[in-house]
Amino acid sequence: MATYAIGDIQGCYDELQLLLEKIKFNQADDQLWLCGDLIARGPKSLETLHFIRSLGATAITVLGNHDLNLIASFYGYGRVKATDQLQVLQSHPDYASFIEWLCQQPLIHSPTETVLMVHAGIPPGWSRSEAMQHAECISSLLKRNPEQLCREMYGNEPARWQDAQSPAEQWRFTINALTRMRLCRADGALELTNKGAPQHHGALLPWYDFWPRNSETTLLVGHWAALNGNCPHPKVEALDTGCVWGNQLTAYCIQTKQRYSVSGYQK
């Protein structure tokens, strides 16, 4: 039995199937962990969601910012762009059931203290247990009252958890940290407008510089395609290798620590 963590698929269904062939994925014995952003920008978001949902407990996914934006758009708050190529999914008879399924998915998966999967990362100052607690708050609300959450989640403020003045601001910070974060200021404040590689942003620091290098927990993350899977932190595995941008789709075997990749989507 093997467990494979896979970076952002973003509707690249064909590439996902090639990757599963490469790792000789066996649905009866193996498990997939998916880092979020299952949909958007690639050409086959509908096929991707249908396949992953059909795997049942064999596939565990956390939500990414594109997944949450799709949920929000369903409830009238998010804005889906034409370049997201989601028209086929949104017009499908099962669209509502796909949204309901997405609302059941967590923001963090961490079955043991040694490994944690999240889309973007863990913000400065949070421990594993704190991150899981705040993520569970979002998951609970997403299941119970998704429209309320979607109404409150957009915006870049507050930039620090301690600056949140209401539950809604706490929800927004949690979602931004776990699904959108890349760079932070020296005081740990999230800087959500810059998206390039860390060395291009002067005094700003990559979020993972704040994660303890001696932590018991290895983080499995996606989201930051500009890293191209290269993270210098010994306790962070960056898995978004830019498949939708024509680079690669990558799987990481948790047991062997080996990586497998296939070529990305060619427009």
Protein backbone atom coordinates (compact mmCIF):
# COMPACT_ATOMS: atom_id res chain seq x y z
CA MET A 1 0.00 0.00 0.00
CA ALA A 2 1.27 3.46 -0.91
CA THR A 3 0.01 6.98 -0.25
CA TYR A 4 0.62 9.56 -2.96
CA ALA A 5 0.19 13.30 -2.44
CA ILE A 6 -0.53 15.12 -5.70
CA GLY A 7 -0.17 18.82 -6.40
CA ASP A 8 -2.68 21.19 -8.01
CA ILE A 9 -4.58 19.37 -10.77
CA GLN A 10 -6.66 22.37 -11.91
CA GLY A 11 -8.78 20.48 -14.39
CA CYS A 12 -5.86 18.67 -16.02
CA TYR A 13 -7.67 15.35 -16.06
CA ASP A 14 -5.66 13.72 -18.84
CA GLU A 15 -2.39 14.52 -17.08
CA LEU A 16 -3.78 13.10 -13.85
CA GLN A 17 -4.56 9.82 -15.59
CA LEU A 18 -1.05 9.67 -17.06
CA LEU A 19 0.42 10.29 -13.61
CA LEU A 20 -1.68 7.53 -12.06
CA GLU A 21 -0.48 5.17 -14.77
CA LYS A 22 3.12 6.17 -14.07
CA ILE A 23 2.85 5.42 -10.35
CA LYS A 24 0.85 2.25 -11.07
CA PHE A 25 -1.92 3.47 -8.84
CA ASN A 26 -4.01 0.60 -7.46
CA GLN A 27 -7.38 1.79 -6.20
CA ALA A 28 -7.76 -1.32 -4.04
CA ASP A 29 -4.52 -0.77 -2.11
CA ASP A 30 -3.22 2.78 -2.59
CA GLN A 31 -4.51 6.14 -1.44
CA LEU A 32 -4.40 9.58 -3.04
CA TRP A 33 -4.03 12.82 -1.10
CA LEU A 34 -4.87 15.85 -3.21
CA CYS A 35 -3.53 19.30 -2.27
CA GLY A 36 -6.54 21.27 -3.51
CA ASP A 37 -7.34 23.35 -6.57
CA LEU A 38 -8.85 20.36 -8.28
CA ILE A 39 -10.52 22.64 -10.82
CA ALA A 40 -10.17 25.85 -12.87
CA ARG A 41 -7.95 26.94 -15.77
CA GLY A 42 -7.46 23.42 -17.15
CA PRO A 43 -9.87 22.02 -19.76
CA LYS A 44 -11.49 19.14 -17.86
CA SER A 45 -12.67 20.26 -14.43
CA LEU A 46 -15.90 18.27 -14.76
CA GLU A 47 -14.07 15.04 -15.56
CA THR A 48 -11.59 15.68 -12.76
CA LEU A 49 -14.26 16.17 -10.10
CA HIS A 50 -16.30 13.22 -11.35
CA PHE A 51 -13.29 10.91 -11.21
CA ILE A 52 -12.06 12.02 -7.80
CA ARG A 53 -15.52 11.80 -6.29
CA SER A 54 -15.92 8.29 -7.74
CA LEU A 55 -12.83 7.14 -5.81
CA GLY A 56 -14.62 7.60 -2.50
CA ALA A 57 -12.41 7.14 0.55
CA THR A 58 -9.47 6.21 -1.69
CA ALA A 59 -8.99 9.91 -2.47
CA ILE A 60 -8.67 12.55 0.25
CA THR A 61 -8.65 16.17 -0.85
CA VAL A 62 -8.28 19.50 0.89
CA LEU A 63 -9.82 22.64 -0.56
CA GLY A 64 -7.82 25.24 -2.45
CA ASN A 65 -8.67 28.83 -3.30
CA HIS A 66 -10.11 27.90 -6.71
CA ASP A 67 -12.33 25.24 -5.16
CA LEU A 68 -13.63 27.74 -2.61
CA ASN A 69 -14.18 30.37 -5.28
CA LEU A 70 -16.32 27.92 -7.25
CA ILE A 71 -18.40 27.20 -4.14
CA ALA A 72 -18.81 30.92 -3.52
CA SER A 73 -19.84 31.56 -7.13
CA PHE A 74 -22.56 28.93 -6.76
CA TYR A 75 -24.00 30.97 -3.89
CA GLY A 76 -23.66 34.25 -5.77
CA TYR A 77 -20.45 35.65 -4.24
CA GLY A 78 -17.40 34.36 -6.08
CA ARG A 79 -16.51 35.43 -9.61
CA VAL A 80 -15.57 32.72 -12.08
CA LYS A 81 -13.54 33.95 -15.06
CA ALA A 82 -13.92 32.70 -18.61
CA THR A 83 -10.29 31.58 -18.48
CA ASP A 84 -11.20 29.19 -15.64
CA GLN A 85 -12.93 27.01 -18.27
CA LEU A 86 -15.69 26.01 -15.86
CA GLN A 87 -18.68 26.52 -18.16
CA VAL A 88 -19.17 22.80 -18.83
CA LEU A 89 -19.08 22.00 -15.13
CA GLN A 90 -21.44 24.84 -14.21
CA SER A 91 -24.00 23.79 -16.82
CA HIS A 92 -23.91 20.10 -15.90
CA PRO A 93 -27.06 18.57 -14.32
CA ASP A 94 -24.98 17.38 -11.35
CA TYR A 95 -23.38 20.78 -10.69
CA ALA A 96 -25.19 21.27 -7.39
CA SER A 97 -24.15 17.84 -6.16
CA PHE A 98 -20.52 18.58 -7.00
CA ILE A 99 -20.76 21.78 -4.95
CA GLU A 100 -22.30 19.85 -2.08
CA TRP A 101 -19.45 17.32 -2.27
CA LEU A 102 -16.83 20.08 -2.25
CA CYS A 103 -18.46 21.59 0.84
CA GLN A 104 -17.81 18.33 2.68
CA GLN A 105 -14.06 18.47 2.08
CA PRO A 106 -11.65 19.82 4.76
CA LEU A 107 -9.00 22.52 4.59
CA ILE A 108 -6.43 20.35 6.39
CA HIS A 109 -5.73 16.63 6.42
CA SER A 110 -3.38 15.46 9.15
CA PRO A 111 -3.99 11.90 10.40
CA THR A 112 -0.77 11.86 12.45
CA GLU A 113 1.63 14.41 13.96
CA THR A 114 4.24 13.58 11.33
CA VAL A 115 2.41 14.84 8.23
CA LEU A 116 -0.10 17.55 7.35
CA MET A 117 -1.58 18.43 3.98
CA VAL A 118 -2.92 21.92 3.29
CA HIS A 119 -3.29 23.89 0.07
CA ALA A 120 -1.11 26.96 0.75
CA GLY A 121 0.62 26.57 4.13
CA ILE A 122 0.44 27.26 7.86
CA PRO A 123 0.64 30.95 8.82
CA PRO A 124 3.27 32.38 11.17
CA GLY A 125 2.63 31.64 14.82
CA TRP A 126 0.21 28.75 14.38
CA SER A 127 1.04 25.25 15.59
CA ARG A 128 -0.30 22.12 13.93
CA SER A 129 -3.05 21.82 16.52
CA GLU A 130 -4.06 25.49 16.20
CA ALA A 131 -4.18 25.23 12.43
CA MET A 132 -6.36 22.13 12.63
CA GLN A 133 -8.69 23.80 15.13
CA HIS A 134 -9.20 26.89 12.96
CA ALA A 135 -9.55 24.79 9.80
CA GLU A 136 -12.22 22.68 11.46
CA CYS A 137 -14.17 25.84 12.28
CA ILE A 138 -14.26 26.68 8.56
CA SER A 139 -15.17 23.11 7.58
CA SER A 140 -18.01 23.02 10.07
CA LEU A 141 -19.46 26.29 8.78
CA LEU A 142 -19.00 25.18 5.16
CA LYS A 143 -21.12 22.12 5.87
CA ARG A 144 -23.69 23.95 7.99
CA ASN A 145 -24.07 27.34 6.31
CA PRO A 146 -21.87 27.71 3.20
CA GLU A 147 -23.66 30.83 2.00
CA GLN A 148 -22.78 32.70 5.21
CA LEU A 149 -19.13 31.73 4.88
CA CYS A 150 -18.99 32.69 1.21
CA ARG A 151 -20.49 36.08 1.97
CA GLU A 152 -17.71 36.86 4.45
CA MET A 153 -14.59 35.27 3.00
CA TYR A 154 -13.39 37.78 0.37
CA GLY A 155 -10.79 40.45 1.15
CA ASN A 156 -7.15 40.64 2.27
CA GLU A 157 -7.74 41.91 5.81
CA PRO A 158 -7.00 41.19 8.55
CA ALA A 159 -3.42 40.33 7.67
CA ARG A 160 -2.72 38.85 11.12
CA TRP A 161 -4.85 36.54 13.26
CA GLN A 162 -4.50 38.76 16.32
CA ASP A 163 -5.98 41.68 14.40
CA ALA A 164 -9.29 39.91 13.72
CA GLN A 165 -12.13 41.76 15.45
CA SER A 166 -14.99 39.35 14.74
CA PRO A 167 -15.67 35.69 13.90
CA ALA A 168 -16.11 36.67 10.24
CA GLU A 169 -12.65 38.25 10.20
CA GLN A 170 -11.22 35.11 11.81
CA TRP A 171 -12.85 33.00 9.09
CA ARG A 172 -11.40 35.27 6.40
CA PHE A 173 -7.90 35.15 7.83
CA THR A 174 -8.04 31.36 8.16
CA ILE A 175 -9.13 30.89 4.56
CA ASN A 176 -6.54 33.37 3.27
CA ALA A 177 -3.76 31.72 5.27
CA LEU A 178 -4.58 28.13 4.42
CA THR A 179 -5.52 28.59 0.76
CA ARG A 180 -3.97 31.84 -0.59
CA MET A 181 -0.80 32.63 1.37
CA ARG A 182 2.66 32.77 -0.21
CA LEU A 183 4.61 35.68 1.27
CA CYS A 184 4.60 37.36 4.68
CA ARG A 185 6.05 40.48 6.21
CA ALA A 186 8.66 40.22 8.96
CA ASP A 187 5.95 40.58 11.63
CA GLY A 188 4.09 37.59 10.18
CA ALA A 189 1.40 39.61 8.39
CA LEU A 190 0.14 38.00 5.20
CA GLU A 191 1.07 39.77 1.94
CA LEU A 192 -1.45 38.46 -0.57
CA THR A 193 -0.81 40.60 -3.64
CA ASN A 194 2.55 39.15 -4.75
CA LYS A 195 2.68 35.76 -6.46
CA GLY A 196 6.21 35.29 -7.80
CA ALA A 197 9.17 33.37 -6.43
CA PRO A 198 10.45 34.43 -2.96
CA GLN A 199 13.72 35.96 -4.18
CA HIS A 200 11.81 38.50 -6.26
CA HIS A 201 10.19 40.29 -3.34
CA GLY A 202 12.90 41.91 -1.24
CA ALA A 203 11.98 42.15 2.42
CA LEU A 204 9.00 39.83 2.13
CA LEU A 205 9.56 36.31 3.43
CA PRO A 206 8.10 33.02 2.23
CA TRP A 207 5.55 31.73 4.71
CA TYR A 208 7.58 28.55 5.29
CA ASP A 209 10.44 30.55 6.84
CA PHE A 210 8.17 30.82 9.88
CA TRP A 211 7.54 27.05 10.17
CA PRO A 212 9.97 25.43 12.67
CA ARG A 213 12.74 23.59 10.87
CA ASN A 214 12.81 21.03 13.70
CA SER A 215 9.04 20.45 13.63
CA GLU A 216 7.76 16.90 13.97
CA THR A 217 5.29 17.69 11.19
CA THR A 218 6.15 17.69 7.51
CA LEU A 219 3.82 19.91 5.49
CA LEU A 220 2.57 18.85 2.07
CA VAL A 221 1.46 21.92 0.14
CA GLY A 222 0.45 23.08 -3.33
CA HIS A 223 -0.65 26.53 -4.55
CA TRP A 224 2.74 28.17 -5.21
CA ALA A 225 3.53 27.19 -8.79
CA ALA A 226 6.44 29.64 -8.96
CA LEU A 227 8.39 27.38 -6.60
CA ASN A 228 8.11 24.62 -9.21
CA GLY A 229 8.25 22.03 -6.44
CA ASN A 230 11.51 23.36 -4.99
CA CYS A 231 11.30 24.36 -1.34
CA PRO A 232 14.49 24.68 0.77
CA HIS A 233 12.68 23.98 4.02
CA PRO A 234 13.40 20.44 5.31
CA LYS A 235 9.86 20.04 6.62
CA VAL A 236 7.91 21.32 3.60
CA GLU A 237 7.18 19.41 0.41
CA ALA A 238 6.02 21.78 -2.33
CA LEU A 239 3.91 19.84 -4.83
CA ASP A 240 2.48 22.41 -7.24
CA THR A 241 4.75 22.09 -10.25
CA GLY A 242 2.58 24.15 -12.59
CA CYS A 243 0.79 21.49 -14.59
CA VAL A 244 -1.83 23.91 -15.89
CA TRP A 245 0.96 26.26 -17.03
CA GLY A 246 2.57 23.55 -19.15
CA ASN A 247 5.16 22.37 -16.64
CA GLN A 248 4.44 19.15 -14.72
CA LEU A 249 1.96 17.33 -12.51
CA THR A 250 3.71 15.74 -9.55
CA ALA A 251 2.99 12.97 -7.06
CA TYR A 252 4.98 12.43 -3.87
CA CYS A 253 5.01 9.01 -2.21
CA ILE A 254 4.79 9.56 1.54
CA GLN A 255 6.31 6.19 2.39
CA THR A 256 9.35 6.35 0.08
CA LYS A 257 9.67 10.17 -0.29
CA GLN A 258 10.05 9.63 -4.04
CA ARG A 259 8.59 12.04 -6.60
CA TYR A 260 6.97 11.17 -9.91
CA SER A 261 6.02 13.68 -12.60
CA VAL A 262 4.41 13.86 -16.02
CA SER A 263 4.41 16.70 -18.51
CA GLY A 264 1.77 19.36 -18.01
CA TYR A 265 -1.13 20.68 -20.03
CA GLN A 266 -0.28 22.10 -23.43
CA LYS A 267 -2.78 24.69 -24.67
